[in-house]
PDB file of N, CA and C in Angstrom:
ATOM      1  N   MET A   1      99.892 -97.946   3.682  1.00  0.00           N
ATOM      2  CA  MET A   1      99.334 -99.133   5.095  1.00  0.00           C
ATOM      3  C   MET A   1     100.750 -99.544   4.812  1.00  0.00           C
ATOM      4  N   PRO A   2     101.324-100.144   6.176  1.00  0.00           N
ATOM      5  CA  PRO A   2     102.890-100.789   5.739  1.00  0.00           C
ATOM      6  C   PRO A   2     102.406-102.350   5.616  1.00  0.00           C
ATOM      7  N   GLN A   3     103.141-102.455   5.173  1.00  0.00           N
ATOM      8  CA  GLN A   3     103.520-104.343   4.897  1.00  0.00           C
ATOM      9  C   GLN A   3     102.644-104.977   5.779  1.00  0.00           C
ATOM     10  N   GLU A   4     102.593-104.642   7.260  1.00  0.00           N
ATOM     11  CA  GLU A   4     101.820-105.529   8.392  1.00  0.00           C
ATOM     12  C   GLU A   4     100.607-105.592   7.621  1.00  0.00           C
ATOM     13  N   SER A   5     100.058-104.481   7.351  1.00  0.00           N
ATOM     14  CA  SER A   5      98.623-104.965   6.955  1.00  0.00           C
ATOM     15  C   SER A   5      98.138-105.736   5.951  1.00  0.00           C
ATOM     16  N   LEU A   6      99.177-106.188   4.709  1.00  0.00           N
ATOM     17  CA  LEU A   6      99.143-107.064   4.086  1.00  0.00           C
ATOM     18  C   LEU A   6      99.165-108.607   3.958  1.00  0.00           C
ATOM     19  N   ASP A   7      99.771-108.916   5.740  1.00  0.00           N
ATOM     20  CA  ASP A   7      99.752-110.370   6.026  1.00  0.00           C
ATOM     21  C   ASP A   7      98.540-111.070   6.650  1.00  0.00           C
ATOM     22  N   SER A   8      98.665-112.209   6.596  1.00  0.00           N
ATOM     23  CA  SER A   8      97.125-112.520   7.275  1.00  0.00           C
ATOM     24  C   SER A   8      97.272-112.453   8.627  1.00  0.00           C
ATOM     25  N   LEU A   9      95.882-111.920   9.302  1.00  0.00           N
ATOM     26  CA  LEU A   9      96.064-111.768  10.983  1.00  0.00           C
ATOM     27  C   LEU A   9      96.110-113.562  11.090  1.00  0.00           C
ATOM     28  N   ASP A  10      96.250-114.612  10.815  1.00  0.00           N
ATOM     29  CA  ASP A  10      96.323-115.494  11.271  1.00  0.00           C
ATOM     30  C   ASP A  10      98.327-115.922  11.005  1.00  0.00           C
ATOM     31  N   ASP A  11      98.187-115.622   9.983  1.00  0.00           N
ATOM     32  CA  ASP A  11     100.036-116.249   9.856  1.00  0.00           C
ATOM     33  C   ASP A  11     100.536-115.509  10.855  1.00  0.00           C
ATOM     34  N   LEU A  12     100.332-114.031  11.090  1.00  0.00           N
ATOM     35  CA  LEU A  12     101.270-113.194  11.838  1.00  0.00           C
ATOM     36  C   LEU A  12     100.805-113.674  13.722  1.00  0.00           C
ATOM     37  N   LEU A  13      99.430-114.189  13.961  1.00  0.00           N
ATOM     38  CA  LEU A  13      99.522-114.904  14.647  1.00  0.00           C
ATOM     39  C   LEU A  13     100.276-116.010  15.110  1.00  0.00           C
ATOM     40  N   ASP A  14     100.405-117.160  14.288  1.00  0.00           N
ATOM     41  CA  ASP A  14     101.595-118.177  14.476  1.00  0.00           C
ATOM     42  C   ASP A  14     102.414-117.550  14.581  1.00  0.00           C
ATOM     43  N   SER A  15     102.808-116.461  13.963  1.00  0.00           N
ATOM     44  CA  SER A  15     104.657-116.199  13.981  1.00  0.00           C
ATOM     45  C   SER A  15     105.146-115.522  15.532  1.00  0.00           C
ATOM     46  N   VAL A  16     104.012-115.312  16.204  1.00  0.00           N
ATOM     47  CA  VAL A  16     104.290-114.242  17.610  1.00  0.00           C
ATOM     48  C   VAL A  16     105.381-114.938  18.291  1.00  0.00           C
ATOM     49  N   CYS A  17     106.757-114.187  18.273  1.00  0.00           N
ATOM     50  CA  CYS A  17     107.505-115.087  19.404  1.00  0.00           C
ATOM     51  C   CYS A  17     108.102-113.955  20.015  1.00  0.00           C
ATOM     52  N   ASP A  18     107.993-112.876  19.554  1.00  0.00           N
ATOM     53  CA  ASP A  18     108.552-111.523  20.156  1.00  0.00           C
ATOM     54  C   ASP A  18     107.939-110.494  20.508  1.00  0.00           C
ATOM     55  N   GLU A  19     108.524-109.512  20.770  1.00  0.00           N
ATOM     56  CA  GLU A  19     108.281-108.089  21.534  1.00  0.00           C
ATOM     57  C   GLU A  19     107.914-107.170  20.113  1.00  0.00           C
ATOM     58  N   GLU A  20     108.847-107.833  19.428  1.00  0.00           N
ATOM     59  CA  GLU A  20     108.310-107.126  17.678  1.00  0.00           C
ATOM     60  C   GLU A  20     107.893-108.039  16.636  1.00  0.00           C
ATOM     61  N   SER A  21     107.377-108.853  16.684  1.00  0.00           N
ATOM     62  CA  SER A  21     106.130-109.963  15.940  1.00  0.00           C
ATOM     63  C   SER A  21     105.171-109.852  16.968  1.00  0.00           C
ATOM     64  N   PHE A  22     105.050-109.457  18.383  1.00  0.00           N
ATOM     65  CA  PHE A  22     103.451-108.938  18.715  1.00  0.00           C
ATOM     66  C   PHE A  22     103.199-107.675  18.023  1.00  0.00           C
ATOM     67  N   ARG A  23     104.295-106.700  17.952  1.00  0.00           N
ATOM     68  CA  ARG A  23     103.987-105.436  17.380  1.00  0.00           C
ATOM     69  C   ARG A  23     103.292-105.510  15.957  1.00  0.00           C
ATOM     70  N   ARG A  24     103.539-106.721  15.617  1.00  0.00           N
ATOM     71  CA  ARG A  24     103.524-106.466  14.153  1.00  0.00           C
ATOM     72  C   ARG A  24     101.806-107.202  14.012  1.00  0.00           C
ATOM     73  N   PHE A  25     101.736-107.962  15.303  1.00  0.00           N
ATOM     74  CA  PHE A  25     100.326-108.856  14.613  1.00  0.00           C
ATOM     75  C   PHE A  25      99.314-108.054  15.386  1.00  0.00           C
ATOM     76  N   LEU A  26      99.788-107.106  16.460  1.00  0.00           N
ATOM     77  CA  LEU A  26      98.788-105.759  16.823  1.00  0.00           C
ATOM     78  C   LEU A  26      98.117-105.194  16.041  1.00  0.00           C
ATOM     79  N   PHE A  27      99.280-104.371  15.212  1.00  0.00           N
ATOM     80  CA  PHE A  27      99.157-103.263  13.881  1.00  0.00           C
ATOM     81  C   PHE A  27      98.184-104.376  12.975  1.00  0.00           C
ATOM     82  N   ALA A  28      98.198-105.173  12.739  1.00  0.00           N
ATOM     83  CA  ALA A  28      97.281-106.520  11.912  1.00  0.00           C
ATOM     84  C   ALA A  28      96.126-106.394  12.150  1.00  0.00           C
ATOM     85  N   LEU A  29      95.726-106.567  13.984  1.00  0.00           N
ATOM     86  CA  LEU A  29      94.436-106.689  14.602  1.00  0.00           C
ATOM     87  C   LEU A  29      93.915-105.532  14.492  1.00  0.00           C
ATOM     88  N   ALA A  30      94.432-104.513  14.761  1.00  0.00           N
ATOM     89  CA  ALA A  30      94.059-103.215  14.667  1.00  0.00           C
ATOM     90  C   ALA A  30      93.585-102.730  13.454  1.00  0.00           C
ATOM     91  N   ALA A  31      93.982-102.947  12.419  1.00  0.00           N
ATOM     92  CA  ALA A  31      93.969-102.931  10.953  1.00  0.00           C
ATOM     93  C   ALA A  31      92.525-103.461  10.761  1.00  0.00           C
ATOM     94  N   ASP A  32      92.435-105.172  10.978  1.00  0.00           N
ATOM     95  CA  ASP A  32      91.639-106.147  10.652  1.00  0.00           C
ATOM     96  C   ASP A  32      90.284-105.089  11.340  1.00  0.00           C
ATOM     97  N   ARG A  33      90.274-104.385  12.638  1.00  0.00           N
ATOM     98  CA  ARG A  33      89.250-103.734  13.094  1.00  0.00           C
ATOM     99  C   ARG A  33      88.919-102.101  12.161  1.00  0.00           C
ATOM    100  N   GLU A  34      89.704-101.656  11.818  1.00  0.00           N
ATOM    101  CA  GLU A  34      89.341-101.104  11.564  1.00  0.00           C
ATOM    102  C   GLU A  34      88.774-100.917   9.804  1.00  0.00           C
ATOM    103  N   ASP A  35      89.546-102.409   9.094  1.00  0.00           N
ATOM    104  CA  ASP A  35      88.567-102.300   7.664  1.00  0.00           C
ATOM    105  C   ASP A  35      87.354-103.026   8.371  1.00  0.00           C
ATOM    106  N   SER A  36      87.192-104.002   9.340  1.00  0.00           N
ATOM    107  CA  SER A  36      86.352-104.356   9.367  1.00  0.00           C
ATOM    108  C   SER A  36      84.721-103.354  10.088  1.00  0.00           C
ATOM    109  N   SER A  37      84.981-102.322  10.637  1.00  0.00           N
ATOM    110  CA  SER A  37      84.195-100.973  10.791  1.00  0.00           C
ATOM    111  C   SER A  37      83.663-100.293   9.674  1.00  0.00           C
ATOM    112  N   SER A  38      85.143 -99.995   8.813  1.00  0.00           N
ATOM    113  CA  SER A  38      84.407 -99.840   7.199  1.00  0.00           C
ATOM    114  C   SER A  38      83.572-100.520   6.216  1.00  0.00           C
ATOM    115  N   LYS A  39      83.505-101.549   6.307  1.00  0.00           N
ATOM    116  CA  LYS A  39      83.024-102.372   5.873  1.00  0.00           C
ATOM    117  C   LYS A  39      81.585-102.155   6.523  1.00  0.00           C
ATOM    118  N   GLU A  40      81.447-102.485   7.719  1.00  0.00           N
ATOM    119  CA  GLU A  40      79.779-102.380   8.424  1.00  0.00           C
ATOM    120  C   GLU A  40      79.153-100.555   8.136  1.00  0.00           C
ATOM    121  N   ALA A  41      80.078-100.017   8.440  1.00  0.00           N
ATOM    122  CA  ALA A  41      79.413 -98.373   7.368  1.00  0.00           C
ATOM    123  C   ALA A  41      78.790 -98.197   5.759  1.00  0.00           C
ATOM    124  N   ALA A  42      79.494 -99.354   5.583  1.00  0.00           N
ATOM    125  CA  ALA A  42      79.044 -99.365   3.787  1.00  0.00           C
ATOM    126  C   ALA A  42      77.919-100.297   4.054  1.00  0.00           C
ATOM    127  N   GLN A  43      77.584-101.525   4.375  1.00  0.00           N
ATOM    128  CA  GLN A  43      76.999-102.678   4.306  1.00  0.00           C
ATOM    129  C   GLN A  43      76.979-103.437   5.674  1.00  0.00           C
ATOM    130  N   PRO A  44      76.016-102.760   6.883  1.00  0.00           N
ATOM    131  CA  PRO A  44      76.039-103.268   7.910  1.00  0.00           C
ATOM    132  C   PRO A  44      75.472-105.370   7.991  1.00  0.00           C
ATOM    133  N   SER A  45      76.075-105.731   8.794  1.00  0.00           N
ATOM    134  CA  SER A  45      75.990-107.429   8.871  1.00  0.00           C
ATOM    135  C   SER A  45      74.287-107.212  10.026  1.00  0.00           C
ATOM    136  N   SER A  46      74.076-108.712   9.774  1.00  0.00           N
ATOM    137  CA  SER A  46      72.778-108.880  10.268  1.00  0.00           C
ATOM    138  C   SER A  46      73.214-108.724  12.269  1.00  0.00           C
ATOM    139  N   PRO A  47      72.411-107.951  12.944  1.00  0.00           N
ATOM    140  CA  PRO A  47      72.704-108.025  14.340  1.00  0.00           C
ATOM    141  C   PRO A  47      72.536-109.016  15.202  1.00  0.00           C
ATOM    142  N   TYR A  48      72.363-110.264  14.625  1.00  0.00           N
ATOM    143  CA  TYR A  48      72.261-111.622  15.090  1.00  0.00           C
ATOM    144  C   TYR A  48      73.552-112.347  15.041  1.00  0.00           C
ATOM    145  N   GLY A  49      74.660-111.803  14.527  1.00  0.00           N
ATOM    146  CA  GLY A  49      75.904-112.690  14.333  1.00  0.00           C
ATOM    147  C   GLY A  49      77.284-111.888  14.165  1.00  0.00           C
ATOM    148  N   PRO A  50      77.902-111.992  13.860  1.00  0.00           N
ATOM    149  CA  PRO A  50      79.551-110.996  13.877  1.00  0.00           C
ATOM    150  C   PRO A  50      79.398-110.262  13.113  1.00  0.00           C
ATOM    151  N   ASP A  51      80.243-108.793  12.829  1.00  0.00           N
ATOM    152  CA  ASP A  51      80.360-108.125  12.124  1.00  0.00           C
ATOM    153  C   ASP A  51      81.164-108.920  11.325  1.00  0.00           C
ATOM    154  N   ALA A  52      81.232-107.726  10.019  1.00  0.00           N
ATOM    155  CA  ALA A  52      82.486-107.844   8.989  1.00  0.00           C
ATOM    156  C   ALA A  52      83.874-108.314   9.494  1.00  0.00           C
ATOM    157  N   ASN A  53      84.713-109.786   9.063  1.00  0.00           N
ATOM    158  CA  ASN A  53      85.669-109.844   9.669  1.00  0.00           C
ATOM    159  C   ASN A  53      85.652-110.765  10.994  1.00  0.00           C
ATOM    160  N   GLY A  54      84.395-111.230  11.173  1.00  0.00           N
ATOM    161  CA  GLY A  54      84.342-112.167  12.423  1.00  0.00           C
ATOM    162  C   GLY A  54      84.346-111.262  13.674  1.00  0.00           C
ATOM    163  N   TRP A  55      83.963-110.032  13.752  1.00  0.00           N
ATOM    164  CA  TRP A  55      84.352-109.084  15.429  1.00  0.00           C
ATOM    165  C   TRP A  55      82.673-109.312  15.780  1.00  0.00           C
ATOM    166  N   GLU A  56      82.620-110.358  16.879  1.00  0.00           N
ATOM    167  CA  GLU A  56      81.464-110.480  18.012  1.00  0.00           C
ATOM    168  C   GLU A  56      82.032-109.376  19.226  1.00  0.00           C
ATOM    169  N   ASN A  57      83.033-108.573  19.281  1.00  0.00           N
ATOM    170  CA  ASN A  57      83.187-107.865  20.129  1.00  0.00           C
ATOM    171  C   ASN A  57      83.489-106.789  19.303  1.00  0.00           C
ATOM    172  N   THR A  58      82.648-105.720  19.909  1.00  0.00           N
ATOM    173  CA  THR A  58      82.942-104.535  18.575  1.00  0.00           C
ATOM    174  C   THR A  58      82.825-103.128  19.411  1.00  0.00           C
ATOM    175  N   THR A  59      83.300-103.014  20.662  1.00  0.00           N
ATOM    176  CA  THR A  59      83.429-102.076  21.490  1.00  0.00           C
ATOM    177  C   THR A  59      84.574-102.342  22.607  1.00  0.00           C
ATOM    178  N   ILE A  60      85.479-101.988  22.479  1.00  0.00           N
ATOM    179  CA  ILE A  60      86.407-101.674  23.835  1.00  0.00           C
ATOM    180  C   ILE A  60      86.247-102.408  25.119  1.00  0.00           C
ATOM    181  N   ASP A  61      85.704-102.064  25.187  1.00  0.00           N
ATOM    182  CA  ASP A  61      84.847-103.056  26.438  1.00  0.00           C
ATOM    183  C   ASP A  61      84.593-104.480  26.127  1.00  0.00           C
ATOM    184  N   ARG A  62      83.665-104.605  25.527  1.00  0.00           N
ATOM    185  CA  ARG A  62      83.246-106.197  25.012  1.00  0.00           C
ATOM    186  C   ARG A  62      84.595-107.038  24.418  1.00  0.00           C
ATOM    187  N   PHE A  63      85.295-106.325  24.206  1.00  0.00           N
ATOM    188  CA  PHE A  63      86.519-107.250  23.465  1.00  0.00           C
ATOM    189  C   PHE A  63      87.135-107.136  24.188  1.00  0.00           C
ATOM    190  N   LEU A  64      87.772-106.535  25.713  1.00  0.00           N
ATOM    191  CA  LEU A  64      88.516-106.588  26.924  1.00  0.00           C
ATOM    192  C   LEU A  64      88.185-107.787  27.460  1.00  0.00           C
ATOM    193  N   TYR A  65      86.746-107.778  27.855  1.00  0.00           N
ATOM    194  CA  TYR A  65      85.992-108.748  28.701  1.00  0.00           C
ATOM    195  C   TYR A  65      86.366-110.189  28.020  1.00  0.00           C
ATOM    196  N   ALA A  66      86.023-109.973  26.906  1.00  0.00           N
ATOM    197  CA  ALA A  66      86.038-111.317  26.214  1.00  0.00           C
ATOM    198  C   ALA A  66      87.330-111.955  26.098  1.00  0.00           C
ATOM    199  N   ALA A  67      87.953-111.454  26.300  1.00  0.00           N
ATOM    200  CA  ALA A  67      89.760-111.963  25.945  1.00  0.00           C
ATOM    201  C   ALA A  67      90.030-112.190  27.487  1.00  0.00           C
ATOM    202  N   VAL A  68      89.922-111.285  28.600  1.00  0.00           N
ATOM    203  CA  VAL A  68      89.798-111.692  29.695  1.00  0.00           C
ATOM    204  C   VAL A  68      89.176-113.340  29.930  1.00  0.00           C
ATOM    205  N   ARG A  69      87.660-113.671  30.142  1.00  0.00           N
ATOM    206  CA  ARG A  69      87.108-114.741  29.655  1.00  0.00           C
ATOM    207  C   ARG A  69      87.883-115.779  29.048  1.00  0.00           C
ATOM    208  N   TRP A  70      88.017-115.598  27.920  1.00  0.00           N
ATOM    209  CA  TRP A  70      89.321-116.875  27.491  1.00  0.00           C
ATOM    210  C   TRP A  70      90.158-117.053  27.884  1.00  0.00           C
ATOM    211  N   ALA A  71      91.287-115.842  28.186  1.00  0.00           N
ATOM    212  CA  ALA A  71      92.587-116.387  28.909  1.00  0.00           C
ATOM    213  C   ALA A  71      92.171-117.071  29.997  1.00  0.00           C
ATOM    214  N   ARG A  72      90.566-116.827  30.948  1.00  0.00           N
ATOM    215  CA  ARG A  72      90.742-117.432  32.248  1.00  0.00           C
ATOM    216  C   ARG A  72      90.082-118.829  31.893  1.00  0.00           C
ATOM    217  N   ALA A  73      89.673-119.336  30.727  1.00  0.00           N
ATOM    218  CA  ALA A  73      89.017-120.420  30.334  1.00  0.00           C
ATOM    219  C   ALA A  73      89.721-121.041  30.086  1.00  0.00           C
ATOM    220  N   SER A  74      91.183-120.657  29.234  1.00  0.00           N
ATOM    221  CA  SER A  74      92.145-121.642  28.321  1.00  0.00           C
ATOM    222  C   SER A  74      93.131-121.438  29.436  1.00  0.00           C
ATOM    223  N   GLU A  75      93.709-121.137  30.513  1.00  0.00           N
ATOM    224  CA  GLU A  75      94.522-120.879  31.424  1.00  0.00           C
ATOM    225  C   GLU A  75      95.236-122.516  31.540  1.00  0.00           C
ATOM    226  N   GLU A  76      94.747-123.657  31.377  1.00  0.00           N
ATOM    227  CA  GLU A  76      94.967-124.994  31.944  1.00  0.00           C
ATOM    228  C   GLU A  76      95.277-125.523  30.448  1.00  0.00           C
ATOM    229  N   GLY A  77      94.308-125.047  29.031  1.00  0.00           N
ATOM    230  CA  GLY A  77      94.201-125.721  28.341  1.00  0.00           C
ATOM    231  C   GLY A  77      92.728-125.515  27.762  1.00  0.00           C
ATOM    232  N   LEU A  78      92.736-125.991  26.373  1.00  0.00           N
ATOM    233  CA  LEU A  78      91.126-126.500  26.134  1.00  0.00           C
ATOM    234  C   LEU A  78      91.228-127.828  24.834  1.00  0.00           C
ATOM    235  N   PRO A  79      90.775-128.389  26.053  1.00  0.00           N
ATOM    236  CA  PRO A  79      91.309-130.198  25.595  1.00  0.00           C
ATOM    237  C   PRO A  79      90.046-130.349  23.752  1.00  0.00           C
ATOM    238  N   LEU A  80      88.807-129.739  24.558  1.00  0.00           N
ATOM    239  CA  LEU A  80      88.176-130.028  22.961  1.00  0.00           C
ATOM    240  C   LEU A  80      88.564-129.556  21.946  1.00  0.00           C
ATOM    241  N   ALA A  81      89.086-128.103  21.929  1.00  0.00           N
ATOM    242  CA  ALA A  81      89.233-127.571  21.143  1.00  0.00           C
ATOM    243  C   ALA A  81      91.010-127.774  20.739  1.00  0.00           C
ATOM    244  N   ASP A  82      91.280-128.702  21.400  1.00  0.00           N
ATOM    245  CA  ASP A  82      92.670-129.637  21.131  1.00  0.00           C
ATOM    246  C   ASP A  82      93.853-127.818  21.010  1.00  0.00           C
ATOM    247  N   TYR A  83      93.710-127.220  21.893  1.00  0.00           N
ATOM    248  CA  TYR A  83      94.673-125.894  22.538  1.00  0.00           C
ATOM    249  C   TYR A  83      95.524-126.403  23.766  1.00  0.00           C
ATOM    250  N   GLU A  84      96.548-125.906  23.727  1.00  0.00           N
ATOM    251  CA  GLU A  84      97.505-126.008  24.620  1.00  0.00           C
ATOM    252  C   GLU A  84      98.018-124.427  25.182  1.00  0.00           C
ATOM    253  N   PRO A  85      98.208-123.865  25.940  1.00  0.00           N
ATOM    254  CA  PRO A  85      98.876-122.908  25.784  1.00  0.00           C
ATOM    255  C   PRO A  85     100.233-122.954  25.655  1.00  0.00           C
ATOM    256  N   PRO A  86     100.968-121.821  25.157  1.00  0.00           N
ATOM    257  CA  PRO A  86     102.145-121.795  24.333  1.00  0.00           C
ATOM    258  C   PRO A  86     102.742-121.283  26.083  1.00  0.00           C
ATOM    259  N   SER A  87     104.149-121.721  25.636  1.00  0.00           N
ATOM    260  CA  SER A  87     105.204-121.405  26.512  1.00  0.00           C
ATOM    261  C   SER A  87     105.587-119.689  26.825  1.00  0.00           C
ATOM    262  N   ASN A  88     105.266-119.563  25.378  1.00  0.00           N
ATOM    263  CA  ASN A  88     105.876-118.171  24.770  1.00  0.00           C
ATOM    264  C   ASN A  88     105.144-117.319  25.159  1.00  0.00           C
ATOM    265  N   PRO A  89     105.585-115.913  26.265  1.00  0.00           N
ATOM    266  CA  PRO A  89     104.452-115.117  26.708  1.00  0.00           C
ATOM    267  C   PRO A  89     103.839-114.377  25.932  1.00  0.00           C
ATOM    268  N   TRP A  90     104.889-114.075  24.737  1.00  0.00           N
ATOM    269  CA  TRP A  90     104.371-113.424  23.892  1.00  0.00           C
ATOM    270  C   TRP A  90     103.511-113.656  22.857  1.00  0.00           C
ATOM    271  N   ARG A  91     103.614-114.781  22.913  1.00  0.00           N
ATOM    272  CA  ARG A  91     102.620-115.961  21.940  1.00  0.00           C
ATOM    273  C   ARG A  91     101.390-115.970  22.781  1.00  0.00           C
ATOM    274  N   ARG A  92     101.365-116.078  24.020  1.00  0.00           N
ATOM    275  CA  ARG A  92     100.466-116.251  24.546  1.00  0.00           C
ATOM    276  C   ARG A  92      99.293-115.166  24.789  1.00  0.00           C
ATOM    277  N   CYS A  93     100.005-113.508  25.249  1.00  0.00           N
ATOM    278  CA  CYS A  93      99.120-112.627  25.248  1.00  0.00           C
ATOM    279  C   CYS A  93      98.418-112.208  23.843  1.00  0.00           C
ATOM    280  N   ALA A  94      99.527-112.418  22.492  1.00  0.00           N
ATOM    281  CA  ALA A  94      98.549-112.820  21.378  1.00  0.00           C
ATOM    282  C   ALA A  94      97.277-113.016  20.843  1.00  0.00           C
ATOM    283  N   GLU A  95      97.045-114.477  21.160  1.00  0.00           N
ATOM    284  CA  GLU A  95      95.666-115.363  21.291  1.00  0.00           C
ATOM    285  C   GLU A  95      94.983-114.919  22.544  1.00  0.00           C
ATOM    286  N   ILE A  96      95.200-114.194  23.656  1.00  0.00           N
ATOM    287  CA  ILE A  96      94.379-113.868  24.501  1.00  0.00           C
ATOM    288  C   ILE A  96      93.537-112.727  23.153  1.00  0.00           C
ATOM    289  N   LEU A  97      94.560-111.847  23.494  1.00  0.00           N
ATOM    290  CA  LEU A  97      93.637-110.745  22.685  1.00  0.00           C
ATOM    291  C   LEU A  97      93.225-110.766  21.303  1.00  0.00           C
ATOM    292  N   TYR A  98      93.678-111.736  20.457  1.00  0.00           N
ATOM    293  CA  TYR A  98      92.850-112.291  19.465  1.00  0.00           C
ATOM    294  C   TYR A  98      91.665-112.920  19.663  1.00  0.00           C
ATOM    295  N   ALA A  99      91.514-113.720  20.660  1.00  0.00           N
ATOM    296  CA  ALA A  99      90.479-114.075  21.021  1.00  0.00           C
ATOM    297  C   ALA A  99      89.017-113.013  21.545  1.00  0.00           C
ATOM    298  N   GLY A 100      90.061-112.011  21.654  1.00  0.00           N
ATOM    299  CA  GLY A 100      88.661-111.226  22.423  1.00  0.00           C
ATOM    300  C   GLY A 100      87.886-110.663  21.122  1.00  0.00           C
ATOM    301  N   LYS A 101      88.225-110.702  20.315  1.00  0.00           N
ATOM    302  CA  LYS A 101      87.292-110.775  18.204  1.00  0.00           C
ATOM    303  C   LYS A 101      86.296-111.407  18.630  1.00  0.00           C
ATOM    304  N   GLY A 102      86.517-112.617  19.335  1.00  0.00           N
ATOM    305  CA  GLY A 102      85.100-113.452  18.836  1.00  0.00           C
ATOM    306  C   GLY A 102      84.453-114.275  19.828  1.00  0.00           C
ATOM    307  N   TYR A 103      85.176-114.129  21.376  1.00  0.00           N
ATOM    308  CA  TYR A 103      85.075-114.836  21.980  1.00  0.00           C
ATOM    309  C   TYR A 103      83.870-114.353  22.408  1.00  0.00           C
ATOM    310  N   GLU A 104      82.549-115.165  22.815  1.00  0.00           N
ATOM    311  CA  GLU A 104      81.388-114.806  23.815  1.00  0.00           C
ATOM    312  C   GLU A 104      81.168-115.268  24.901  1.00  0.00           C
TER     313      GLU A 104
END
């Protein structure tokens, strides 16, 4: 697997600033999901919590709907979570997709 898969998903998210860094993040997000699926096949997690690697939304439709819900909820920031939307649109898109992984 290319080098991107060796970097932390959180680190890659933090580094998103342009199209190239966004692509690296997308690759790592996909690799994280693939790794999680492999772990689940070998040893399933409890059905009452996230699966391996913290994925709550394990189908494309649940993932995308969760990403949209988080995008709407965080549009003006999330004071209790100390979140301010970044001004960089590449970073904002990456954060929206990352939230789709676990937002309920």
